[in-house]
N, C-alpha and C. Protein backbone atom coordinates (compact mmCIF):
# COMPACT_ATOMS: atom_id res chain seq x y z
N MET A 1 -59.99 32.76 -74.23
CA MET A 1 -61.11 32.73 -72.96
C MET A 1 -62.00 31.55 -72.35
N ILE A 2 -61.11 30.12 -73.24
CA ILE A 2 -61.39 29.13 -72.42
C ILE A 2 -60.24 29.55 -71.60
N GLY A 3 -59.05 30.00 -71.48
CA GLY A 3 -58.79 29.70 -70.63
C GLY A 3 -58.65 30.43 -68.73
N GLU A 4 -59.26 32.24 -69.58
CA GLU A 4 -59.70 32.20 -68.71
C GLU A 4 -61.08 31.95 -67.79
N LEU A 5 -62.36 31.38 -68.84
CA LEU A 5 -62.84 30.09 -67.71
C LEU A 5 -62.30 29.22 -66.80
N ALA A 6 -61.38 28.60 -67.25
CA ALA A 6 -60.36 27.62 -66.34
C ALA A 6 -60.49 28.19 -65.55
N ILE A 7 -59.39 29.75 -65.43
CA ILE A 7 -58.23 30.27 -64.68
C ILE A 7 -60.13 30.44 -63.58
N GLY A 8 -61.28 30.75 -63.87
CA GLY A 8 -62.10 31.45 -62.72
C GLY A 8 -62.84 30.13 -62.09
N LEU A 9 -62.52 29.13 -63.18
CA LEU A 9 -63.38 28.10 -62.58
C LEU A 9 -62.10 26.85 -61.21
N GLY A 10 -61.40 27.17 -61.50
CA GLY A 10 -60.49 26.61 -61.02
C GLY A 10 -59.97 27.90 -59.85
N ALA A 11 -59.95 28.92 -59.95
CA ALA A 11 -58.97 29.68 -58.43
C ALA A 11 -60.17 29.26 -57.87
N GLY A 12 -61.82 29.32 -58.43
CA GLY A 12 -62.99 29.44 -57.27
C GLY A 12 -62.89 28.41 -56.62
N ILE A 13 -63.06 27.49 -57.37
CA ILE A 13 -63.22 25.94 -57.15
C ILE A 13 -61.60 26.32 -55.31
N ILE A 14 -60.10 26.21 -55.65
CA ILE A 14 -59.11 26.12 -55.23
C ILE A 14 -59.43 26.93 -53.56
N ALA A 15 -59.98 28.69 -53.74
CA ALA A 15 -59.88 29.53 -52.75
C ALA A 15 -61.26 28.88 -52.52
N GLY A 16 -62.04 28.50 -52.26
CA GLY A 16 -63.47 27.73 -51.46
C GLY A 16 -62.74 26.19 -50.59
N LEU A 17 -61.81 26.07 -51.48
CA LEU A 17 -61.73 24.69 -50.75
C LEU A 17 -60.39 24.95 -49.92
N LEU A 18 -59.76 25.74 -50.07
CA LEU A 18 -58.00 26.39 -49.68
C LEU A 18 -58.29 27.95 -48.60
N GLY A 19 -59.18 28.88 -49.12
CA GLY A 19 -59.25 29.56 -48.47
C GLY A 19 -57.95 30.70 -48.97
N VAL A 20 -57.50 30.64 -50.01
CA VAL A 20 -56.43 31.33 -50.80
C VAL A 20 -56.87 32.77 -51.46
N GLY A 21 -57.59 32.38 -51.66
CA GLY A 21 -58.06 34.13 -52.06
C GLY A 21 -58.29 34.45 -53.45
N GLY A 22 -57.87 32.85 -54.08
CA GLY A 22 -58.02 32.92 -55.66
C GLY A 22 -56.56 33.55 -56.30
N GLY A 23 -56.08 34.52 -55.44
CA GLY A 23 -55.07 35.51 -56.48
C GLY A 23 -53.95 34.55 -56.93
N VAL A 24 -53.30 33.00 -55.64
CA VAL A 24 -52.48 32.70 -56.33
C VAL A 24 -52.50 31.76 -56.98
N LEU A 25 -53.59 31.64 -57.59
CA LEU A 25 -53.85 30.49 -59.08
C LEU A 25 -54.75 31.92 -59.87
N PHE A 26 -55.35 32.95 -59.78
CA PHE A 26 -55.43 34.24 -61.20
C PHE A 26 -54.26 34.76 -61.11
N VAL A 27 -53.08 34.89 -60.94
CA VAL A 27 -52.24 35.72 -61.44
C VAL A 27 -50.98 34.77 -62.29
N PRO A 28 -50.77 33.60 -61.63
CA PRO A 28 -49.68 32.92 -62.65
C PRO A 28 -50.69 32.77 -63.86
N GLY A 29 -52.06 31.99 -63.76
CA GLY A 29 -52.91 31.55 -64.71
C GLY A 29 -53.13 32.59 -66.18
N LEU A 30 -53.06 33.81 -65.04
CA LEU A 30 -53.26 35.45 -66.36
C LEU A 30 -51.93 35.64 -67.21
N VAL A 31 -50.83 35.31 -66.62
CA VAL A 31 -50.13 35.29 -67.02
C VAL A 31 -49.65 34.41 -67.79
N LEU A 32 -50.07 33.06 -67.88
CA LEU A 32 -49.65 32.03 -68.21
C LEU A 32 -50.52 31.75 -69.44
N PHE A 33 -52.13 32.45 -69.59
CA PHE A 33 -53.00 31.65 -70.41
C PHE A 33 -53.66 32.56 -70.91
N ALA A 34 -53.42 33.87 -70.47
CA ALA A 34 -54.36 34.31 -71.04
C ALA A 34 -53.29 36.24 -71.49
N GLY A 35 -52.19 35.77 -71.38
CA GLY A 35 -50.89 36.70 -71.65
C GLY A 35 -50.47 37.75 -71.31
N LEU A 36 -51.56 38.16 -70.39
CA LEU A 36 -51.12 39.29 -69.19
C LEU A 36 -50.12 39.71 -69.03
N SER A 37 -49.84 40.84 -68.86
CA SER A 37 -48.53 41.16 -67.79
C SER A 37 -48.04 40.85 -66.74
N GLN A 38 -47.33 40.84 -65.90
CA GLN A 38 -47.60 40.69 -64.60
C GLN A 38 -48.29 41.55 -63.66
N HIS A 39 -47.89 42.89 -64.16
CA HIS A 39 -48.23 43.94 -63.57
C HIS A 39 -49.84 43.99 -63.90
N GLN A 40 -50.16 43.50 -65.27
CA GLN A 40 -51.57 43.66 -65.17
C GLN A 40 -51.99 42.27 -64.80
N ALA A 41 -51.75 41.15 -64.59
CA ALA A 41 -52.53 39.88 -64.31
C ALA A 41 -52.69 39.84 -62.70
N GLU A 42 -51.37 41.27 -61.82
CA GLU A 42 -51.86 41.36 -60.49
C GLU A 42 -53.27 42.71 -60.31
N ALA A 43 -53.25 43.38 -61.42
CA ALA A 43 -54.22 44.36 -61.37
C ALA A 43 -55.53 43.55 -61.02
N THR A 44 -55.28 42.56 -62.41
CA THR A 44 -56.66 42.19 -62.80
C THR A 44 -57.16 41.23 -61.13
N SER A 45 -56.17 40.50 -61.07
CA SER A 45 -56.25 39.62 -60.04
C SER A 45 -57.15 40.50 -58.39
N LEU A 46 -56.56 41.33 -58.58
CA LEU A 46 -57.68 42.15 -57.50
C LEU A 46 -58.95 42.16 -57.56
N LEU A 47 -59.08 42.89 -58.92
CA LEU A 47 -60.59 42.84 -58.55
C LEU A 47 -61.45 41.39 -58.96
N ALA A 48 -60.84 40.41 -59.27
CA ALA A 48 -61.37 38.91 -59.76
C ALA A 48 -61.79 38.51 -58.38
N ILE A 49 -60.74 38.83 -57.55
CA ILE A 49 -61.38 38.34 -56.28
C ILE A 49 -62.21 38.94 -55.01
N VAL A 50 -63.18 39.87 -55.81
CA VAL A 50 -63.71 40.33 -54.93
C VAL A 50 -64.70 39.46 -54.95
N PRO A 51 -65.42 38.76 -55.89
CA PRO A 51 -66.72 37.88 -55.60
C PRO A 51 -66.50 37.06 -55.13
N VAL A 52 -65.28 36.20 -55.42
CA VAL A 52 -64.55 35.01 -54.90
C VAL A 52 -65.02 35.07 -53.16
N ALA A 53 -64.26 36.36 -52.80
CA ALA A 53 -63.90 36.56 -51.06
C ALA A 53 -65.92 36.72 -50.61
N ILE A 54 -66.60 37.17 -51.80
CA ILE A 54 -67.35 37.16 -50.62
C ILE A 54 -68.86 36.38 -51.03
N ILE A 55 -68.60 35.44 -51.68
CA ILE A 55 -69.14 33.83 -51.69
C ILE A 55 -68.59 33.85 -50.84
N GLY A 56 -67.10 33.11 -50.28
CA GLY A 56 -66.38 31.88 -50.16
C GLY A 56 -66.69 32.56 -48.65
N THR A 57 -66.68 34.26 -48.02
CA THR A 57 -66.69 33.92 -47.19
C THR A 57 -68.30 33.92 -46.37
N TYR A 58 -69.39 34.18 -47.21
CA TYR A 58 -71.01 33.83 -46.93
C TYR A 58 -71.23 32.70 -46.49
N ARG A 59 -70.31 31.77 -47.23
CA ARG A 59 -70.51 30.14 -47.19
C ARG A 59 -69.96 29.77 -45.64
N GLN A 60 -69.10 30.19 -45.83
CA GLN A 60 -67.47 29.85 -44.52
C GLN A 60 -68.09 30.55 -43.56
N ASP A 61 -69.19 31.77 -42.95
CA ASP A 61 -69.47 31.97 -42.05
C ASP A 61 -70.74 31.31 -41.60
N ARG A 62 -71.52 30.20 -42.54
CA ARG A 62 -73.12 29.42 -42.50
C ARG A 62 -72.60 28.37 -41.56
N TYR A 63 -71.15 28.22 -41.89
CA TYR A 63 -70.31 26.83 -40.97
C TYR A 63 -70.11 27.01 -39.83
N GLY A 64 -70.02 28.74 -39.32
CA GLY A 64 -69.56 29.61 -38.06
C GLY A 64 -67.64 29.83 -37.51
N ASN A 65 -67.28 29.67 -39.25
CA ASN A 65 -65.57 29.89 -39.50
C ASN A 65 -65.47 31.03 -39.65
N VAL A 66 -66.05 32.08 -39.76
CA VAL A 66 -65.14 33.16 -40.02
C VAL A 66 -65.25 34.06 -38.87
N ASN A 67 -64.52 34.72 -37.81
CA ASN A 67 -63.93 35.49 -36.64
C ASN A 67 -64.01 36.75 -37.35
N ARG A 68 -65.17 37.62 -36.79
CA ARG A 68 -65.43 38.36 -37.56
C ARG A 68 -64.68 40.20 -37.56
N ALA A 69 -64.19 39.89 -36.04
CA ALA A 69 -63.21 40.98 -35.41
C ALA A 69 -61.82 40.79 -36.07
N ASP A 70 -61.52 39.74 -36.06
CA ASP A 70 -59.82 39.32 -36.66
C ASP A 70 -60.62 39.66 -38.19
N ALA A 71 -61.64 39.34 -38.59
CA ALA A 71 -61.55 40.14 -40.35
C ALA A 71 -61.74 41.66 -40.60
N LEU A 72 -62.31 42.52 -39.37
CA LEU A 72 -62.53 43.87 -39.75
C LEU A 72 -60.99 43.91 -39.70
N VAL A 73 -60.08 43.92 -38.33
CA VAL A 73 -59.11 44.30 -38.25
C VAL A 73 -58.25 44.42 -39.65
N VAL A 74 -58.12 42.53 -40.07
CA VAL A 74 -57.47 42.29 -41.06
C VAL A 74 -57.90 43.22 -42.53
N GLY A 75 -59.35 43.43 -42.26
CA GLY A 75 -59.31 44.06 -43.98
C GLY A 75 -59.22 45.69 -43.90
N LEU A 76 -59.44 46.33 -42.70
CA LEU A 76 -59.11 47.60 -42.58
C LEU A 76 -57.48 48.27 -42.80
N LEU A 77 -56.56 46.95 -42.28
CA LEU A 77 -55.37 47.47 -42.59
C LEU A 77 -54.86 46.47 -43.48
N SER A 78 -55.59 45.85 -44.56
CA SER A 78 -55.48 45.48 -45.77
C SER A 78 -55.34 46.79 -46.91
N VAL A 79 -56.64 47.10 -46.67
CA VAL A 79 -56.71 48.70 -47.43
C VAL A 79 -55.60 49.48 -47.48
N ALA A 80 -54.66 49.96 -46.23
CA ALA A 80 -53.17 50.88 -46.51
C ALA A 80 -52.33 49.77 -47.17
N GLY A 81 -52.58 49.02 -46.81
CA GLY A 81 -51.54 47.80 -47.22
C GLY A 81 -51.58 48.01 -48.98
N ALA A 82 -52.51 47.81 -49.38
CA ALA A 82 -53.45 47.09 -50.98
C ALA A 82 -52.20 48.62 -51.45
N ALA A 83 -52.74 49.93 -51.11
CA ALA A 83 -52.40 51.27 -51.46
C ALA A 83 -51.51 51.18 -51.37
N ALA A 84 -50.40 50.71 -51.06
CA ALA A 84 -48.74 51.02 -50.88
C ALA A 84 -48.44 50.09 -51.65
N GLY A 85 -49.07 48.43 -51.74
CA GLY A 85 -48.43 47.57 -52.72
C GLY A 85 -48.56 48.07 -54.05
N VAL A 86 -50.07 48.68 -54.50
CA VAL A 86 -50.09 48.87 -55.91
C VAL A 86 -49.10 49.80 -55.97
N ALA A 87 -48.39 50.45 -55.15
CA ALA A 87 -47.53 52.02 -55.68
C ALA A 87 -45.93 50.67 -55.83
N LEU A 88 -45.68 49.76 -54.93
CA LEU A 88 -44.49 49.70 -55.33
C LEU A 88 -44.45 48.50 -56.17
N ALA A 89 -45.19 47.68 -56.27
CA ALA A 89 -45.08 47.32 -57.43
C ALA A 89 -45.78 47.61 -58.73
N ASN A 90 -46.01 48.55 -58.93
CA ASN A 90 -45.51 49.91 -60.13
C ASN A 90 -44.27 50.59 -60.22
N ALA A 91 -43.43 50.73 -59.00
CA ALA A 91 -42.66 50.70 -59.09
C ALA A 91 -41.54 49.72 -59.51
N LEU A 92 -41.71 48.49 -59.73
CA LEU A 92 -40.77 47.39 -60.23
C LEU A 92 -41.12 46.98 -61.45
N THR A 93 -40.56 45.99 -62.01
CA THR A 93 -40.29 46.13 -63.29
C THR A 93 -41.36 44.76 -62.86
N GLY A 94 -41.56 44.27 -64.43
CA GLY A 94 -42.34 43.31 -64.74
C GLY A 94 -41.18 41.48 -64.02
N THR A 95 -40.43 41.53 -64.59
CA THR A 95 -39.38 40.55 -64.18
C THR A 95 -39.40 40.32 -62.02
N ALA A 96 -39.03 41.93 -61.73
CA ALA A 96 -38.96 42.08 -60.35
C ALA A 96 -40.04 41.43 -59.67
N LEU A 97 -41.39 42.09 -60.45
CA LEU A 97 -42.26 42.12 -59.59
C LEU A 97 -43.09 40.06 -59.73
N ARG A 98 -42.90 39.59 -60.72
CA ARG A 98 -42.83 38.33 -61.08
C ARG A 98 -42.14 37.09 -60.03
N ASP A 99 -40.64 37.95 -60.03
CA ASP A 99 -39.85 37.34 -58.85
C ASP A 99 -40.27 37.70 -57.90
N ALA A 100 -41.00 38.36 -57.29
CA ALA A 100 -41.82 38.52 -56.30
C ALA A 100 -42.33 37.80 -55.94
N PHE A 101 -43.06 37.49 -56.48
CA PHE A 101 -44.28 36.79 -56.56
C PHE A 101 -44.22 35.22 -56.54
N ALA A 102 -43.30 35.03 -56.80
CA ALA A 102 -42.79 33.69 -56.80
C ALA A 102 -42.10 33.30 -55.82
N CYS A 103 -41.62 33.82 -55.02
CA CYS A 103 -40.97 33.69 -53.81
C CYS A 103 -41.71 33.68 -52.47
N LEU A 104 -43.00 35.00 -52.63
CA LEU A 104 -43.98 34.70 -51.51
C LEU A 104 -44.57 33.46 -51.97
N MET A 105 -45.17 32.91 -52.99
CA MET A 105 -45.45 31.44 -53.36
C MET A 105 -44.43 30.24 -53.08
N VAL A 106 -43.64 30.45 -52.63
CA VAL A 106 -42.09 29.11 -52.63
C VAL A 106 -42.23 29.72 -50.82
N LEU A 107 -42.60 31.06 -50.30
CA LEU A 107 -43.05 30.46 -48.71
C LEU A 107 -43.99 30.53 -48.08
N VAL A 108 -44.91 30.22 -48.67
CA VAL A 108 -46.28 30.14 -48.77
C VAL A 108 -45.82 28.61 -48.54
N ALA A 109 -46.39 28.06 -49.89
CA ALA A 109 -45.95 26.29 -49.71
C ALA A 109 -44.43 26.13 -48.98
N LEU A 110 -43.49 26.92 -47.97
CA LEU A 110 -42.95 26.21 -47.12
C LEU A 110 -43.69 25.65 -45.94
N GLN A 111 -44.66 27.47 -45.39
CA GLN A 111 -45.26 27.24 -44.11
C GLN A 111 -46.14 26.18 -44.41
N LEU A 112 -47.00 25.82 -45.21
CA LEU A 112 -47.77 24.44 -45.69
C LEU A 112 -47.06 23.40 -45.00
N VAL A 113 -45.85 23.43 -45.45
CA VAL A 113 -45.88 22.27 -45.37
C VAL A 113 -44.91 21.45 -44.10
N ARG A 114 -44.35 22.58 -43.47
CA ARG A 114 -43.84 22.87 -41.79
C ARG A 114 -45.27 22.80 -41.32
N ARG A 115 -46.52 22.88 -41.64
CA ARG A 115 -47.69 22.88 -40.57
C ARG A 115 -47.95 21.54 -40.92
N ALA A 116 -48.43 20.97 -41.97
CA ALA A 116 -48.53 20.11 -42.11
C ALA A 116 -47.86 18.61 -41.64
N LEU A 117 -46.43 19.26 -41.48
CA LEU A 117 -45.46 18.01 -40.77
C LEU A 117 -46.09 18.02 -39.26
N ARG A 118 -45.82 19.22 -38.70
CA ARG A 118 -46.14 19.38 -36.79
C ARG A 118 -47.79 19.26 -36.89
N GLU A 119 -48.99 18.86 -37.82
CA GLU A 119 -49.58 17.97 -37.04
C GLU A 119 -49.30 16.72 -37.34
N ASP A 120 -48.83 16.05 -38.54
CA ASP A 120 -48.46 14.95 -38.69
C ASP A 120 -48.05 13.92 -36.76
N ARG A 121 -47.17 14.87 -36.94
CA ARG A 121 -46.29 14.55 -35.71
C ARG A 121 -47.77 14.40 -34.44
N ARG A 122 -48.36 15.52 -34.34
CA ARG A 122 -49.13 15.63 -33.27
C ARG A 122 -50.89 14.07 -33.21
N GLY A 123 -50.46 14.01 -34.63
CA GLY A 123 -51.30 12.97 -35.18
C GLY A 123 -53.26 13.56 -35.14
N ARG A 124 -53.03 14.68 -35.59
CA ARG A 124 -54.84 15.15 -35.89
C ARG A 124 -54.39 16.38 -36.28
N PRO A 125 -55.14 17.03 -37.26
CA PRO A 125 -54.94 18.01 -37.97
C PRO A 125 -56.11 19.43 -37.53
N GLU A 126 -55.41 20.58 -37.67
CA GLU A 126 -56.16 21.96 -36.59
C GLU A 126 -57.24 22.08 -36.46
N HIS A 127 -57.61 21.55 -37.44
CA HIS A 127 -59.30 22.03 -37.99
C HIS A 127 -59.84 21.05 -38.52
N ALA A 128 -61.23 20.05 -38.01
CA ALA A 128 -61.58 18.95 -38.29
C ALA A 128 -63.19 19.32 -39.67
N GLY A 129 -63.46 20.55 -39.55
CA GLY A 129 -64.60 21.15 -39.74
C GLY A 129 -65.65 21.04 -39.52
N GLN A 130 -65.60 21.76 -38.30
CA GLN A 130 -66.83 21.10 -36.99
C GLN A 130 -67.73 22.15 -37.70
N GLY A 131 -68.94 21.87 -38.81
CA GLY A 131 -69.65 22.31 -39.32
C GLY A 131 -71.07 21.70 -39.49
């Protein structure tokens, strides 16, 4: 239970700070510290992300950072995408699912590094917390 508490608190802080939705930390944390399979961790993460997203969105909206039109489009399309993704995830082995998740994390990390290097060359961040 201590592992789950640490995962929840850590993922909540990181999600609020970086806007990653928590799943980036929930899934590996649940696999490594709670002993869940990759399938179970991903399914559990989907439910655990709901309160994180609600609170994070509420707080970010108070700072004026939420673009509601974009959120609506992305959210509605995500419903169909989630249904398809769940079907695909359950068609894969745990190993294939874990490897796909790892590849996604590497791609996200590379994109973040690329963006950070680009900002360093410009000498300013894209958004400096106007609020």
